[in-house]
Amino acid sequence: MFSLIPKLPFYWTFRRFGWPRMLPFSIVVSVSFRCNSKCKTCDVWRKPNDDMTVEEWDRVFAKMGRGPLYITFTGGEPFLRKDTAEMVLSACHHCRPAVVTVPTNGILTKRIVDQVDRICAGAPHTKIGINLSLDGIGEEHDAIRKVPGNWNKAMETWEALGKLQARHKNLVLTTHTVVSKFNLHRFFEIYAGLGFLEPDSYITEVAEERVELDTVGWNITPDPDEYAPIADFLSQQARQRPVHGIARITQGFRAEYYQLAKRILYEQKQVIPCYAGWASGHIAPNGDIWSCCIRAEPVGNLREHGYDIRPIWFGQRMATLRRSIYVGECACPMANASYANMLLHPPTVARVVSSVIRQPASTEARQEAGQTRTGVTSRI
């Protein structure tokens, strides 16, 4: 993480002046649009598939090389592919990211656990975050996901991953809720109801109308006035959570993110400069390069450029898209891009540092940090 700090000024000048040319440090890789959920907030499962093979992805990561700090492998449902573990391990071998995250609906318990086991064993120096998506409790979750029995299967997966974590210290288990018009009125009950899972972290994201998900016009995003108390609550929880070390900084940025998302919903503009297309980017399952999944505007395809991102990332079509982003023709609270944006926004960084200094780690925090998942002090 700290290796990124000296590079931040280069991203500022890259966005402002176009040099030096930098590859993104945060990349989202969509491994497939295929999904075994039919969520009320997503229509990606209907999209046609032209997935690159694991051999093609290996060429992509080999040519990309060292640079990405944070890589997310998403879908659809990533573990519908039997070779997702091989894709992740290829990225870890060639790119050496500090953190890899993989969201999952938890339906395919055995395949998920087997692949996560291989990933953690094969990339011991990379933090492997598995984010279990839970948008409600029990049948409420199943209704939003439109899969009867999803909750029970997700619970089986969570229990198995917890046992796996005892063998792999680089495995981080997170629960994730999409806050939408379908569950925001019960959010506080959902938050409390998920507490028994004792995740390493609990995160939420606002349901958005994305080109990638074919949800434009679906009216799924919470109204600002309805989301505001949720954002304030989540920020307070992040600031008060007793943690120490790098986790305190992570929680500080998480607290800032919820306030940023709230402001974007209210103001409908880029509250802080967006670096999608500079510091963060997205690769579609067929190799199309996007600045982000909200706009999902292809600016080139890896198959047509020898699986090398550079001629696309530094090409004219991306430059044109960057100009649109630079002048604020779009705005969104998408989490992946927002965290990169906050890292590159000095006032946000200053607030996070200030909050960490004002709230030194307590004895309780140090004790909690040493607890295993079987301890009694874990909390969301």
Protein backbone atom coordinates (compact mmCIF):
# COMPACT_ATOMS: atom_id res chain seq x y z
CA MET A 1 0.00 0.00 0.00
CA PHE A 2 2.74 2.45 0.97
CA SER A 3 4.49 1.84 -2.36
CA LEU A 4 1.64 3.80 -3.98
CA ILE A 5 2.31 7.03 -2.08
CA PRO A 6 5.29 8.20 -4.20
CA LYS A 7 3.25 7.60 -7.36
CA LEU A 8 0.25 9.74 -6.40
CA PRO A 9 1.69 13.04 -7.72
CA PHE A 10 2.22 11.39 -11.10
CA TYR A 11 -1.50 10.57 -11.31
CA TRP A 12 -2.31 14.20 -10.53
CA THR A 13 -0.15 15.44 -13.40
CA PHE A 14 -1.32 12.63 -15.69
CA ARG A 15 -4.92 13.80 -15.21
CA ARG A 16 -4.07 17.48 -15.55
CA PHE A 17 -1.40 17.47 -18.27
CA GLY A 18 -1.46 13.97 -19.80
CA TRP A 19 1.98 12.98 -18.51
CA PRO A 20 3.66 10.94 -17.26
CA ARG A 21 1.53 8.17 -18.69
CA MET A 22 0.48 5.80 -15.91
CA LEU A 23 -1.33 2.48 -15.89
CA PRO A 24 -4.19 2.26 -13.36
CA PHE A 25 -3.36 1.08 -9.86
CA SER A 26 -6.94 -0.13 -9.33
CA ILE A 27 -8.41 -2.51 -11.91
CA VAL A 28 -11.74 -4.33 -12.07
CA VAL A 29 -11.74 -7.50 -14.15
CA SER A 30 -15.13 -8.88 -15.17
CA VAL A 31 -14.49 -12.57 -15.77
CA SER A 32 -17.97 -13.25 -17.20
CA PHE A 33 -21.47 -11.80 -17.40
CA ARG A 34 -22.93 -15.23 -16.58
CA CYS A 35 -24.74 -15.34 -13.25
CA ASN A 36 -26.90 -17.77 -11.29
CA SER A 37 -28.70 -14.91 -9.53
CA LYS A 38 -31.46 -12.82 -11.11
CA CYS A 39 -31.23 -9.80 -8.82
CA LYS A 40 -33.79 -7.00 -8.81
CA THR A 41 -30.88 -4.55 -9.01
CA CYS A 42 -29.00 -6.21 -11.89
CA ASP A 43 -29.71 -7.56 -15.39
CA VAL A 44 -26.18 -8.61 -16.30
CA TRP A 45 -27.17 -12.28 -16.48
CA ARG A 46 -29.11 -11.59 -19.69
CA LYS A 47 -26.08 -10.18 -21.53
CA PRO A 48 -24.36 -12.25 -24.26
CA ASN A 49 -21.06 -13.85 -23.35
CA ASP A 50 -17.76 -13.84 -25.21
CA ASP A 51 -15.42 -14.59 -22.33
CA MET A 52 -11.68 -14.55 -22.79
CA THR A 53 -9.96 -17.81 -21.90
CA VAL A 54 -7.60 -18.18 -18.96
CA GLU A 55 -4.75 -18.38 -21.49
CA GLU A 56 -5.81 -15.00 -22.91
CA TRP A 57 -6.00 -13.49 -19.45
CA ASP A 58 -2.52 -14.81 -18.69
CA ARG A 59 -1.20 -12.90 -21.71
CA VAL A 60 -2.98 -9.76 -20.51
CA PHE A 61 -1.47 -9.92 -17.03
CA ALA A 62 1.98 -10.86 -18.33
CA LYS A 63 2.06 -7.78 -20.57
CA MET A 64 0.59 -5.56 -17.86
CA GLY A 65 3.29 -6.58 -15.37
CA ARG A 66 3.92 -4.95 -12.02
CA GLY A 67 1.79 -1.92 -11.25
CA PRO A 68 -1.79 -2.70 -10.19
CA LEU A 69 -2.08 -2.48 -6.43
CA TYR A 70 -5.71 -3.55 -6.19
CA ILE A 71 -7.51 -5.97 -8.52
CA THR A 72 -11.16 -6.98 -8.27
CA PHE A 73 -12.41 -10.08 -10.10
CA THR A 74 -16.14 -9.74 -10.57
CA GLY A 75 -18.99 -10.95 -12.77
CA GLY A 76 -21.79 -11.97 -13.03
CA GLU A 77 -20.88 -14.62 -10.55
CA PRO A 78 -17.09 -15.08 -10.80
CA PHE A 79 -17.11 -18.65 -9.52
CA LEU A 80 -19.37 -19.89 -12.31
CA ARG A 81 -16.07 -20.15 -14.17
CA LYS A 82 -14.15 -23.25 -13.18
CA ASP A 83 -10.85 -21.50 -13.90
CA THR A 84 -11.30 -18.30 -11.89
CA ALA A 85 -8.60 -19.42 -9.45
CA GLU A 86 -6.14 -19.81 -12.32
CA MET A 87 -6.99 -16.30 -13.57
CA VAL A 88 -6.45 -14.78 -10.14
CA LEU A 89 -3.18 -16.63 -9.62
CA SER A 90 -1.95 -15.49 -13.03
CA ALA A 91 -2.62 -11.87 -12.03
CA CYS A 92 -0.89 -12.38 -8.68
CA HIS A 93 2.15 -13.93 -10.40
CA HIS A 94 2.59 -11.29 -13.09
CA CYS A 95 1.24 -8.13 -11.41
CA ARG A 96 1.95 -8.74 -7.71
CA PRO A 97 -1.09 -6.81 -6.40
CA ALA A 98 -1.24 -6.13 -2.67
CA VAL A 99 -4.97 -6.88 -2.56
CA VAL A 100 -7.33 -9.01 -4.62
CA THR A 101 -11.06 -9.06 -3.98
CA VAL A 102 -13.69 -11.41 -5.37
CA PRO A 103 -17.41 -10.86 -4.72
CA THR A 104 -19.71 -13.88 -4.72
CA ASN A 105 -23.35 -14.76 -4.13
CA GLY A 106 -22.20 -17.87 -2.24
CA ILE A 107 -24.43 -20.34 -4.10
CA LEU A 108 -21.72 -22.73 -5.37
CA THR A 109 -20.27 -23.63 -1.98
CA LYS A 110 -17.84 -26.41 -2.91
CA ARG A 111 -16.47 -24.68 -5.99
CA ILE A 112 -16.06 -21.38 -4.16
CA VAL A 113 -14.23 -22.94 -1.22
CA ASP A 114 -12.00 -25.11 -3.44
CA GLN A 115 -11.01 -22.16 -5.62
CA VAL A 116 -10.45 -19.79 -2.70
CA ASP A 117 -8.26 -22.45 -1.08
CA ARG A 118 -6.10 -22.64 -4.23
CA ILE A 119 -5.91 -18.86 -4.57
CA CYS A 120 -4.81 -18.29 -0.96
CA ALA A 121 -2.25 -21.08 -1.10
CA GLY A 122 -0.86 -19.92 -4.43
CA ALA A 123 -0.64 -16.21 -3.53
CA PRO A 124 0.41 -16.15 0.14
CA HIS A 125 1.78 -12.59 -0.03
CA THR A 126 -1.44 -11.08 -1.41
CA LYS A 127 -4.46 -10.24 0.73
CA ILE A 128 -7.36 -12.22 -0.73
CA GLY A 129 -10.72 -10.64 0.09
CA ILE A 130 -13.89 -12.65 -0.50
CA ASN A 131 -17.01 -10.47 -0.36
CA LEU A 132 -20.23 -12.37 0.30
CA SER A 133 -23.21 -10.45 -1.07
CA LEU A 134 -26.14 -10.33 1.36
CA ASP A 135 -28.95 -7.88 0.66
CA GLY A 136 -31.32 -9.04 3.37
CA ILE A 137 -31.94 -11.72 5.97
CA GLY A 138 -33.30 -15.15 5.02
CA GLU A 139 -36.20 -15.09 2.58
CA GLU A 140 -35.86 -11.32 2.19
CA HIS A 141 -32.43 -11.86 0.64
CA ASP A 142 -33.75 -14.65 -1.58
CA ALA A 143 -36.57 -12.41 -2.82
CA ILE A 144 -34.18 -9.63 -3.86
CA ARG A 145 -31.79 -12.11 -5.49
CA LYS A 146 -34.68 -14.12 -6.99
CA VAL A 147 -33.07 -17.42 -6.02
CA PRO A 148 -34.95 -19.59 -3.51
CA GLY A 149 -32.52 -21.04 -1.02
CA ASN A 150 -29.75 -18.54 -1.75
CA TRP A 151 -29.50 -17.48 1.90
CA ASN A 152 -29.02 -21.02 3.18
CA LYS A 153 -26.40 -21.78 0.55
CA ALA A 154 -24.61 -18.51 1.35
CA MET A 155 -24.55 -19.47 5.03
CA GLU A 156 -23.00 -22.86 4.16
CA THR A 157 -20.37 -21.07 2.10
CA TRP A 158 -19.63 -18.58 4.87
CA GLU A 159 -19.15 -21.32 7.43
CA ALA A 160 -16.82 -23.24 5.12
CA LEU A 161 -14.80 -20.11 4.31
CA GLY A 162 -14.45 -19.42 8.04
CA LYS A 163 -12.86 -22.82 8.51
CA LEU A 164 -10.62 -22.17 5.53
CA GLN A 165 -9.43 -18.91 7.07
CA ALA A 166 -7.83 -20.86 9.90
CA ARG A 167 -5.35 -22.24 7.35
CA HIS A 168 -4.82 -19.10 5.29
CA LYS A 169 -3.85 -15.93 7.15
CA ASN A 170 -4.10 -13.90 3.92
CA LEU A 171 -7.84 -14.61 3.60
CA VAL A 172 -10.12 -11.68 4.51
CA LEU A 173 -13.86 -12.37 4.76
CA THR A 174 -16.28 -9.52 4.15
CA THR A 175 -20.05 -9.23 3.92
CA HIS A 176 -21.47 -6.79 1.40
CA THR A 177 -24.90 -5.22 1.03
CA VAL A 178 -26.23 -3.32 -1.97
CA VAL A 179 -28.48 -0.58 -0.59
CA SER A 180 -31.40 -0.15 -2.97
CA LYS A 181 -35.03 0.89 -2.95
CA PHE A 182 -35.85 -2.74 -2.18
CA ASN A 183 -34.13 -2.89 1.21
CA LEU A 184 -33.22 0.62 2.43
CA HIS A 185 -36.28 0.86 4.69
CA ARG A 186 -35.06 -2.20 6.58
CA PHE A 187 -31.37 -1.45 6.43
CA PHE A 188 -30.80 -1.05 10.16
CA GLU A 189 -32.52 -4.36 10.86
CA ILE A 190 -30.42 -5.99 8.13
CA TYR A 191 -27.23 -4.52 9.58
CA ALA A 192 -28.06 -5.83 13.04
CA GLY A 193 -29.22 -9.17 11.67
CA LEU A 194 -25.94 -9.82 9.86
CA GLY A 195 -23.85 -9.16 12.96
CA PHE A 196 -23.81 -12.84 14.01
CA LEU A 197 -21.61 -13.61 10.98
CA GLU A 198 -18.74 -11.69 12.61
CA PRO A 199 -17.04 -10.70 9.31
CA ASP A 200 -13.62 -9.12 9.18
CA SER A 201 -15.35 -6.18 7.54
CA TYR A 202 -18.82 -5.10 6.46
CA ILE A 203 -19.26 -2.89 3.42
CA THR A 204 -22.18 -1.46 1.52
CA GLU A 205 -22.63 0.14 -1.86
CA VAL A 206 -25.42 2.18 -3.39
CA ALA A 207 -27.47 0.47 -6.10
CA GLU A 208 -26.73 2.33 -9.32
CA GLU A 209 -28.04 2.47 -12.84
CA ARG A 210 -25.11 1.06 -14.82
CA VAL A 211 -24.67 0.55 -18.52
CA GLU A 212 -22.73 -2.62 -17.67
CA LEU A 213 -25.68 -4.10 -15.79
CA ASP A 214 -28.33 -2.87 -18.23
CA THR A 215 -30.12 -1.14 -15.36
CA VAL A 216 -30.34 2.40 -16.76
CA GLY A 217 -33.85 3.69 -16.09
CA TRP A 218 -34.64 1.06 -13.45
CA ASN A 219 -35.11 3.59 -10.61
CA ILE A 220 -33.27 1.42 -8.08
CA THR A 221 -31.04 4.08 -6.48
CA PRO A 222 -32.13 5.30 -3.02
CA ASP A 223 -33.36 8.86 -2.72
CA PRO A 224 -30.76 11.08 -1.04
CA ASP A 225 -32.96 11.89 1.95
CA GLU A 226 -33.55 8.19 2.55
CA TYR A 227 -29.91 7.24 2.14
CA ALA A 228 -28.48 10.07 4.28
CA PRO A 229 -29.21 8.53 7.73
CA ILE A 230 -27.77 5.23 6.52
CA ALA A 231 -24.60 6.95 5.34
CA ASP A 232 -24.24 8.83 8.61
CA PHE A 233 -24.73 5.65 10.61
CA LEU A 234 -22.18 3.71 8.56
CA SER A 235 -19.62 6.52 8.82
CA GLN A 236 -20.08 6.59 12.59
CA GLN A 237 -19.67 2.81 12.83
CA ALA A 238 -16.49 2.94 10.72
CA ARG A 239 -14.97 5.67 12.88
CA GLN A 240 -15.85 3.95 16.14
CA ARG A 241 -14.77 0.45 15.24
CA PRO A 242 -11.82 -0.46 17.50
CA VAL A 243 -9.00 -1.43 15.14
CA HIS A 244 -5.32 -0.61 14.86
CA GLY A 245 -2.56 -0.41 12.25
CA ILE A 246 -3.47 -0.14 8.57
CA ALA A 247 -7.06 -1.12 9.40
CA ARG A 248 -7.56 2.26 11.09
CA ILE A 249 -6.68 4.00 7.84
CA THR A 250 -8.98 1.68 5.91
CA GLN A 251 -11.85 2.44 8.27
CA GLY A 252 -11.09 6.14 7.97
CA PHE A 253 -11.49 6.01 4.20
CA ARG A 254 -14.62 3.92 4.56
CA ALA A 255 -16.16 6.57 6.79
CA GLU A 256 -15.30 9.21 4.18
CA TYR A 257 -16.73 7.09 1.35
CA TYR A 258 -20.24 6.98 2.82
CA GLN A 259 -20.28 10.76 3.18
CA LEU A 260 -18.98 11.12 -0.37
CA ALA A 261 -21.69 8.82 -1.70
CA LYS A 262 -24.32 10.83 0.17
CA ARG A 263 -23.11 14.12 -1.30
CA ILE A 264 -23.00 12.73 -4.83
CA LEU A 265 -26.60 11.55 -4.55
CA TYR A 266 -27.66 14.98 -3.32
CA GLU A 267 -25.59 17.12 -5.69
CA GLN A 268 -25.56 14.87 -8.79
CA LYS A 269 -22.06 15.95 -9.70
CA GLN A 270 -18.44 14.98 -9.10
CA VAL A 271 -17.90 16.13 -5.55
CA ILE A 272 -14.19 15.35 -5.83
CA PRO A 273 -12.24 14.82 -9.09
CA CYS A 274 -12.82 11.45 -10.71
CA TYR A 275 -9.75 9.46 -11.80
CA ALA A 276 -11.57 6.68 -13.65
CA GLY A 277 -9.59 6.34 -16.85
CA TRP A 278 -6.41 7.48 -15.13
CA ALA A 279 -5.97 5.66 -11.80
CA SER A 280 -8.77 3.11 -12.10
CA GLY A 281 -10.13 1.11 -15.00
CA HIS A 282 -12.26 -1.85 -15.98
CA ILE A 283 -11.73 -4.81 -18.31
CA ALA A 284 -14.87 -6.50 -19.68
CA PRO A 285 -15.11 -10.30 -20.14
CA ASN A 286 -14.40 -10.04 -23.88
CA GLY A 287 -11.36 -7.81 -23.39
CA ASP A 288 -13.03 -4.44 -23.94
CA ILE A 289 -11.40 -1.62 -21.96
CA TRP A 290 -13.66 0.78 -20.06
CA SER A 291 -12.94 3.69 -17.77
CA CYS A 292 -15.59 2.28 -15.44
CA CYS A 293 -18.65 0.04 -15.42
CA ILE A 294 -21.11 2.91 -14.98
CA ARG A 295 -20.53 4.25 -18.49
CA ALA A 296 -19.06 1.00 -19.88
CA GLU A 297 -17.90 2.73 -23.06
CA PRO A 298 -15.41 0.50 -24.93
CA VAL A 299 -12.31 2.37 -26.10
CA GLY A 300 -10.54 -0.67 -27.52
CA ASN A 301 -10.29 -4.44 -27.24
CA LEU A 302 -7.31 -6.39 -25.91
CA ARG A 303 -7.71 -9.14 -28.51
CA GLU A 304 -7.16 -6.57 -31.23
CA HIS A 305 -4.00 -5.17 -29.59
CA GLY A 306 -2.03 -8.29 -28.79
CA TYR A 307 -3.51 -8.41 -25.26
CA ASP A 308 -1.55 -5.28 -24.35
CA ILE A 309 -3.53 -2.63 -22.45
CA ARG A 310 -1.04 0.16 -23.17
CA PRO A 311 -1.98 1.13 -26.75
CA ILE A 312 -5.63 1.28 -25.63
CA TRP A 313 -5.08 3.01 -22.28
CA PHE A 314 -2.88 5.66 -23.89
CA GLY A 315 -4.85 5.85 -27.15
CA GLN A 316 -6.98 8.61 -28.62
CA ARG A 317 -10.36 7.03 -27.81
CA MET A 318 -9.49 6.85 -24.12
CA ALA A 319 -8.18 10.41 -24.25
CA THR A 320 -11.55 11.55 -25.61
CA LEU A 321 -13.39 9.70 -22.85
CA ARG A 322 -11.06 11.19 -20.24
CA ARG A 323 -11.94 14.70 -21.40
CA SER A 324 -15.62 13.94 -20.82
CA ILE A 325 -14.88 12.68 -17.30
CA TYR A 326 -12.53 15.60 -16.60
CA VAL A 327 -15.20 18.22 -17.32
CA GLY A 328 -17.72 16.41 -15.12
CA GLU A 329 -20.13 15.00 -17.68
CA CYS A 330 -20.78 12.07 -15.35
CA ALA A 331 -20.92 11.47 -11.60
CA CYS A 332 -21.49 8.37 -9.51
CA PRO A 333 -20.74 6.89 -6.07
CA MET A 334 -19.26 3.65 -7.43
CA ALA A 335 -17.04 2.28 -4.66
CA ASN A 336 -14.04 1.01 -6.66
CA ALA A 337 -13.46 4.32 -8.40
CA SER A 338 -14.38 6.36 -5.33
CA TYR A 339 -11.65 4.84 -3.16
CA ALA A 340 -9.05 5.60 -5.83
CA ASN A 341 -10.45 9.11 -6.11
CA MET A 342 -10.23 9.66 -2.35
CA LEU A 343 -6.61 8.48 -2.23
CA LEU A 344 -5.85 11.13 -4.85
CA HIS A 345 -7.80 13.91 -3.10
CA PRO A 346 -5.51 15.65 -0.53
CA PRO A 347 -8.34 17.11 1.60
CA THR A 348 -9.88 13.65 2.00
CA VAL A 349 -6.53 12.12 2.88
CA ALA A 350 -5.94 14.91 5.41
CA ARG A 351 -9.29 14.21 7.10
CA VAL A 352 -8.52 10.50 7.31
CA VAL A 353 -5.07 11.14 8.79
CA SER A 354 -6.52 13.64 11.25
CA SER A 355 -9.19 11.19 12.39
CA VAL A 356 -6.57 8.47 12.90
CA ILE A 357 -4.40 10.81 14.96
CA ARG A 358 -7.34 11.97 17.09
CA GLN A 359 -8.44 8.41 17.84
CA PRO A 360 -5.36 6.38 18.81
CA ALA A 361 -5.74 2.63 18.98
CA SER A 362 -6.97 1.55 22.39
CA THR A 363 -5.93 -1.44 24.42
CA GLU A 364 -9.25 -3.00 23.48
CA ALA A 365 -8.46 -2.49 19.79
CA ARG A 366 -5.06 -4.11 20.11
CA GLN A 367 -6.61 -7.05 21.92
CA GLU A 368 -9.36 -7.36 19.33
CA ALA A 369 -6.89 -7.28 16.49
CA GLY A 370 -5.28 -10.39 17.94
CA GLN A 371 -8.52 -12.34 18.14
CA THR A 372 -9.26 -15.08 15.64
CA ARG A 373 -12.62 -15.44 13.93
CA THR A 374 -13.61 -17.78 16.76
CA GLY A 375 -13.15 -14.99 19.30
CA VAL A 376 -16.06 -13.18 20.86
CA THR A 377 -15.03 -9.62 20.05
CA SER A 378 -15.28 -9.68 16.24
CA ARG A 379 -17.93 -7.39 14.84
CA ILE A 380 -19.02 -5.80 11.60
